[in-house]
Protein backbone atom coordinates (compact mmCIF):
# COMPACT_ATOMS: atom_id res chain seq x y z
CA MET A 1 24.45 -49.14 -44.22
CA LYS A 2 26.49 -46.25 -42.49
CA ILE A 3 30.68 -46.55 -42.48
CA ALA A 4 32.68 -45.19 -39.48
CA PRO A 5 36.22 -45.19 -40.71
CA SER A 6 38.48 -45.94 -37.68
CA ILE A 7 41.37 -43.55 -37.62
CA LEU A 8 43.45 -45.76 -36.09
CA THR A 9 45.32 -46.92 -39.10
CA ALA A 10 45.53 -43.42 -40.25
CA ASP A 11 48.72 -41.66 -40.90
CA PHE A 12 49.15 -39.25 -37.99
CA THR A 13 51.82 -37.19 -39.56
CA ASP A 14 49.09 -36.01 -41.92
CA LEU A 15 46.00 -36.08 -39.56
CA LYS A 16 44.74 -33.20 -41.66
CA ASN A 17 44.48 -34.65 -45.10
CA GLU A 18 43.90 -37.98 -43.54
CA ILE A 19 40.36 -36.90 -42.35
CA LYS A 20 39.98 -34.93 -45.25
CA SER A 21 40.24 -38.12 -47.55
CA ILE A 22 37.23 -39.46 -45.25
CA SER A 23 34.95 -36.63 -45.87
CA ASN A 24 31.83 -38.53 -46.73
CA ALA A 25 31.82 -40.92 -43.85
CA ASP A 26 28.59 -41.04 -41.68
CA LEU A 27 30.93 -41.47 -38.54
CA ILE A 28 34.53 -41.33 -37.54
CA HIS A 29 35.62 -43.88 -35.22
CA ILE A 30 38.03 -43.50 -32.27
CA ASP A 31 39.90 -46.24 -30.87
CA ILE A 32 40.63 -45.24 -27.12
CA MET A 33 43.46 -47.84 -26.01
CA ASP A 34 45.22 -48.00 -22.21
CA GLY A 35 47.78 -50.26 -22.68
CA ASN A 36 46.16 -52.25 -20.05
CA PHE A 37 42.47 -53.26 -20.75
CA VAL A 38 44.11 -53.92 -24.23
CA PRO A 39 47.42 -54.81 -25.16
CA ASN A 40 48.10 -51.32 -27.06
CA ILE A 41 47.97 -48.03 -26.98
CA SER A 42 46.45 -45.63 -29.12
CA PHE A 43 46.02 -41.42 -28.17
CA GLY A 44 44.04 -39.40 -25.64
CA PRO A 45 41.29 -36.42 -25.90
CA ALA A 46 43.61 -34.31 -27.50
CA ILE A 47 43.30 -36.31 -31.02
CA ASN A 48 39.55 -35.58 -30.55
CA LYS A 49 39.89 -32.25 -30.20
CA GLN A 50 42.34 -31.84 -32.81
CA ILE A 51 39.86 -33.68 -35.31
CA ALA A 52 36.93 -31.72 -34.22
CA LYS A 53 38.92 -28.75 -35.64
CA ILE A 54 39.30 -30.48 -39.09
CA SER A 55 36.01 -32.21 -39.35
CA ASN A 56 32.29 -31.75 -38.48
CA ILE A 57 31.67 -35.42 -38.83
CA ASP A 58 30.27 -36.88 -35.27
CA LEU A 59 32.88 -38.91 -33.67
CA ASP A 60 32.27 -42.52 -32.12
CA VAL A 61 34.45 -43.25 -29.28
CA HIS A 62 35.10 -46.51 -28.05
CA LEU A 63 37.03 -46.56 -24.91
CA MET A 64 39.07 -49.95 -24.75
CA VAL A 65 40.20 -49.00 -21.09
CA THR A 66 40.35 -50.92 -17.95
CA ASN A 67 38.21 -47.63 -16.08
CA PRO A 68 36.31 -45.72 -18.65
CA LEU A 69 34.46 -43.89 -15.89
CA MET A 70 37.79 -42.05 -15.48
CA TRP A 71 37.80 -41.05 -19.34
CA ILE A 72 34.04 -40.02 -19.94
CA ASP A 73 34.27 -36.47 -19.01
CA GLU A 74 37.34 -35.86 -20.79
CA PHE A 75 35.89 -37.36 -24.39
CA SER A 76 32.55 -35.88 -23.95
CA LEU A 77 33.44 -33.11 -26.76
CA GLU A 78 30.87 -31.37 -28.93
CA ASN A 79 31.70 -33.42 -31.61
CA VAL A 80 31.25 -36.63 -29.86
CA LYS A 81 27.94 -38.79 -30.74
CA TYR A 82 28.62 -42.25 -29.27
CA ILE A 83 30.64 -43.18 -26.45
CA THR A 84 30.88 -47.12 -25.71
CA VAL A 85 32.27 -48.50 -23.14
CA HIS A 86 32.96 -52.65 -22.70
CA TYR A 87 31.07 -54.65 -20.27
CA GLU A 88 34.14 -56.39 -18.99
CA SER A 89 35.64 -52.79 -17.75
CA GLN A 90 35.40 -51.55 -14.12
CA ASN A 91 32.41 -49.26 -13.32
CA PHE A 92 30.36 -50.52 -16.45
CA LEU A 93 26.79 -49.17 -15.30
CA GLU A 94 28.35 -45.97 -13.48
CA SER A 95 30.17 -45.45 -16.99
CA ILE A 96 26.75 -45.53 -18.44
CA LYS A 97 25.27 -43.23 -16.28
CA ARG A 98 27.87 -41.06 -16.45
CA ILE A 99 27.74 -40.57 -20.37
CA LYS A 100 23.92 -40.11 -19.90
CA GLU A 101 24.62 -37.37 -17.59
CA ASN A 102 26.79 -35.82 -20.19
CA LYS A 103 24.16 -36.32 -22.71
CA LYS A 104 26.19 -38.19 -25.17
CA LEU A 105 24.53 -41.41 -26.63
CA VAL A 106 25.71 -44.83 -24.85
CA GLY A 107 27.24 -47.31 -26.76
CA ILE A 108 28.15 -50.96 -24.76
CA THR A 109 30.31 -53.76 -26.54
CA ILE A 110 31.52 -56.79 -25.45
CA LYS A 111 34.50 -58.78 -26.34
CA PRO A 112 34.35 -61.75 -28.76
CA LYS A 113 34.28 -64.56 -25.95
CA THR A 114 31.82 -62.65 -23.95
CA LYS A 115 28.16 -63.32 -25.22
CA VAL A 116 24.90 -61.38 -25.52
CA SER A 117 23.25 -62.80 -22.75
CA SER A 118 25.76 -60.80 -20.49
CA ILE A 119 24.09 -57.90 -21.18
CA LEU A 120 20.36 -58.52 -21.76
CA ASP A 121 19.97 -56.08 -18.55
CA VAL A 122 21.32 -52.95 -20.08
CA LEU A 123 20.11 -53.26 -23.77
CA LYS A 124 17.36 -51.11 -22.99
CA LEU A 125 19.67 -48.54 -21.93
CA ALA A 126 21.98 -48.61 -25.19
CA ASP A 127 21.98 -46.31 -28.39
CA LEU A 128 24.07 -48.30 -30.01
CA VAL A 129 25.59 -52.34 -29.41
CA LEU A 130 29.26 -52.84 -30.98
CA VAL A 131 29.84 -56.42 -31.92
CA MET A 132 33.53 -56.80 -32.27
CA SER A 133 34.45 -59.00 -34.87
CA VAL A 134 38.28 -59.28 -34.25
CA GLU A 135 39.92 -59.44 -30.64
CA PRO A 136 40.07 -55.71 -29.53
CA GLY A 137 43.42 -54.16 -29.68
CA PHE A 138 45.02 -54.29 -32.77
CA GLY A 139 44.05 -53.17 -36.26
CA GLY A 140 44.62 -55.53 -39.34
CA GLN A 141 42.84 -58.53 -37.94
CA LYS A 142 41.12 -61.17 -39.87
CA PHE A 143 37.33 -61.14 -39.62
CA MET A 144 35.82 -63.54 -37.07
CA PRO A 145 32.34 -64.45 -39.53
CA GLU A 146 30.91 -66.58 -36.30
CA MET A 147 30.41 -63.31 -34.56
CA LEU A 148 27.76 -62.28 -36.78
CA ASP A 149 25.44 -64.86 -34.54
CA LYS A 150 25.73 -62.14 -31.97
CA VAL A 151 24.05 -59.70 -34.75
CA ARG A 152 21.51 -61.87 -35.44
CA GLU A 153 20.53 -62.07 -31.39
CA LEU A 154 20.71 -58.55 -31.34
CA LYS A 155 18.82 -57.92 -34.24
CA ARG A 156 15.94 -60.27 -32.91
CA LEU A 157 16.42 -58.68 -29.22
CA ARG A 158 15.57 -55.23 -30.36
CA GLU A 159 12.56 -56.51 -32.20
CA GLU A 160 10.96 -58.25 -29.75
CA ASN A 161 11.64 -55.46 -27.29
CA ASN A 162 11.41 -52.51 -29.31
CA TYR A 163 14.82 -51.10 -28.39
CA ASN A 164 16.42 -48.49 -30.62
CA TYR A 165 19.97 -49.16 -30.50
CA GLN A 166 22.03 -49.14 -33.97
CA ILE A 167 24.12 -52.54 -34.42
CA GLU A 168 27.66 -51.66 -35.07
CA ILE A 169 30.36 -54.07 -36.15
CA ASP A 170 34.28 -53.45 -35.87
CA GLY A 171 37.15 -55.71 -37.35
CA GLY A 172 38.02 -56.59 -40.36
CA ILE A 173 35.35 -55.29 -42.59
CA ASN A 174 36.13 -54.91 -46.23
CA ASN A 175 34.35 -55.11 -49.57
CA GLU A 176 33.34 -58.70 -48.99
CA THR A 177 32.62 -59.07 -45.46
CA ILE A 178 30.67 -56.34 -45.24
CA LYS A 179 27.94 -57.91 -47.54
CA LEU A 180 27.62 -60.76 -44.79
CA ALA A 181 27.30 -57.98 -42.06
CA LYS A 182 24.71 -56.47 -43.88
CA GLU A 183 22.79 -59.77 -44.39
CA ALA A 184 23.43 -60.23 -40.52
CA GLY A 185 21.84 -56.84 -39.83
CA VAL A 186 24.53 -54.60 -39.02
CA ASP A 187 23.73 -50.75 -39.27
CA ILE A 188 27.15 -49.24 -38.85
CA SER A 189 30.47 -50.64 -40.20
CA VAL A 190 33.97 -49.57 -38.78
CA VAL A 191 36.18 -49.52 -41.19
CA GLY A 192 39.98 -49.41 -40.90
CA SER A 193 42.96 -50.92 -42.53
CA TYR A 194 41.01 -52.10 -45.69
CA LEU A 195 39.86 -48.13 -46.24
CA PHE A 196 43.07 -46.31 -45.22
CA ASN A 197 45.07 -48.88 -47.58
CA GLN A 198 43.19 -47.40 -50.48
CA THR A 199 43.99 -44.04 -52.71
CA ASP A 200 40.27 -42.85 -53.31
CA ARG A 201 39.22 -43.21 -50.02
CA ASN A 202 35.53 -41.49 -50.48
CA LYS A 203 35.22 -43.74 -53.63
CA VAL A 204 35.32 -46.72 -51.44
CA ILE A 205 33.11 -45.41 -48.73
CA ASP A 206 30.38 -44.81 -51.32
CA ASN A 207 31.12 -48.39 -52.72
CA LEU A 208 30.94 -49.81 -48.67
CA LYS A 209 27.54 -47.94 -48.20
């Protein structure tokens, strides 16, 4: 299991030490929110650039924005590995094309109420599929176990079609729910509040792995 800490719940007044405290993470998950697509606002590309100066860990950028096409170039920084866009957003297909043009790996995701069947036609284009196990927009929400059915479906579709995407889950992941995620077929777990509420975060990451 790969672990991608979400810095949404980090202490931004001490960002350098917060990033150092998760130095054995596989990815750093960056939640970008515009206050429109979701009812919250996070931060912009400047924070990504700051993180890039602090850490060599690859970034996993999740664009929870109405029009991701406006932002993809801005977030196509050297240390960004994945850029994930929502099926429910504007210019979805154009955004996927732009991510590929920028030589970044394509992530696609759907909100909890959207079915996997909605993205069947684009799974072949995906390097990562993110399953939201909470409603996007806020940290600290309770895990929705019924979302694991989507994970199982995505795993089945990957095997049947020889797709190469990683399956990622985001929302309510802790030392208990990560076991359920692993059993269902998750490859990457995004961990936020649970991790950043701990003192020895690298030890927690090792335990989660």
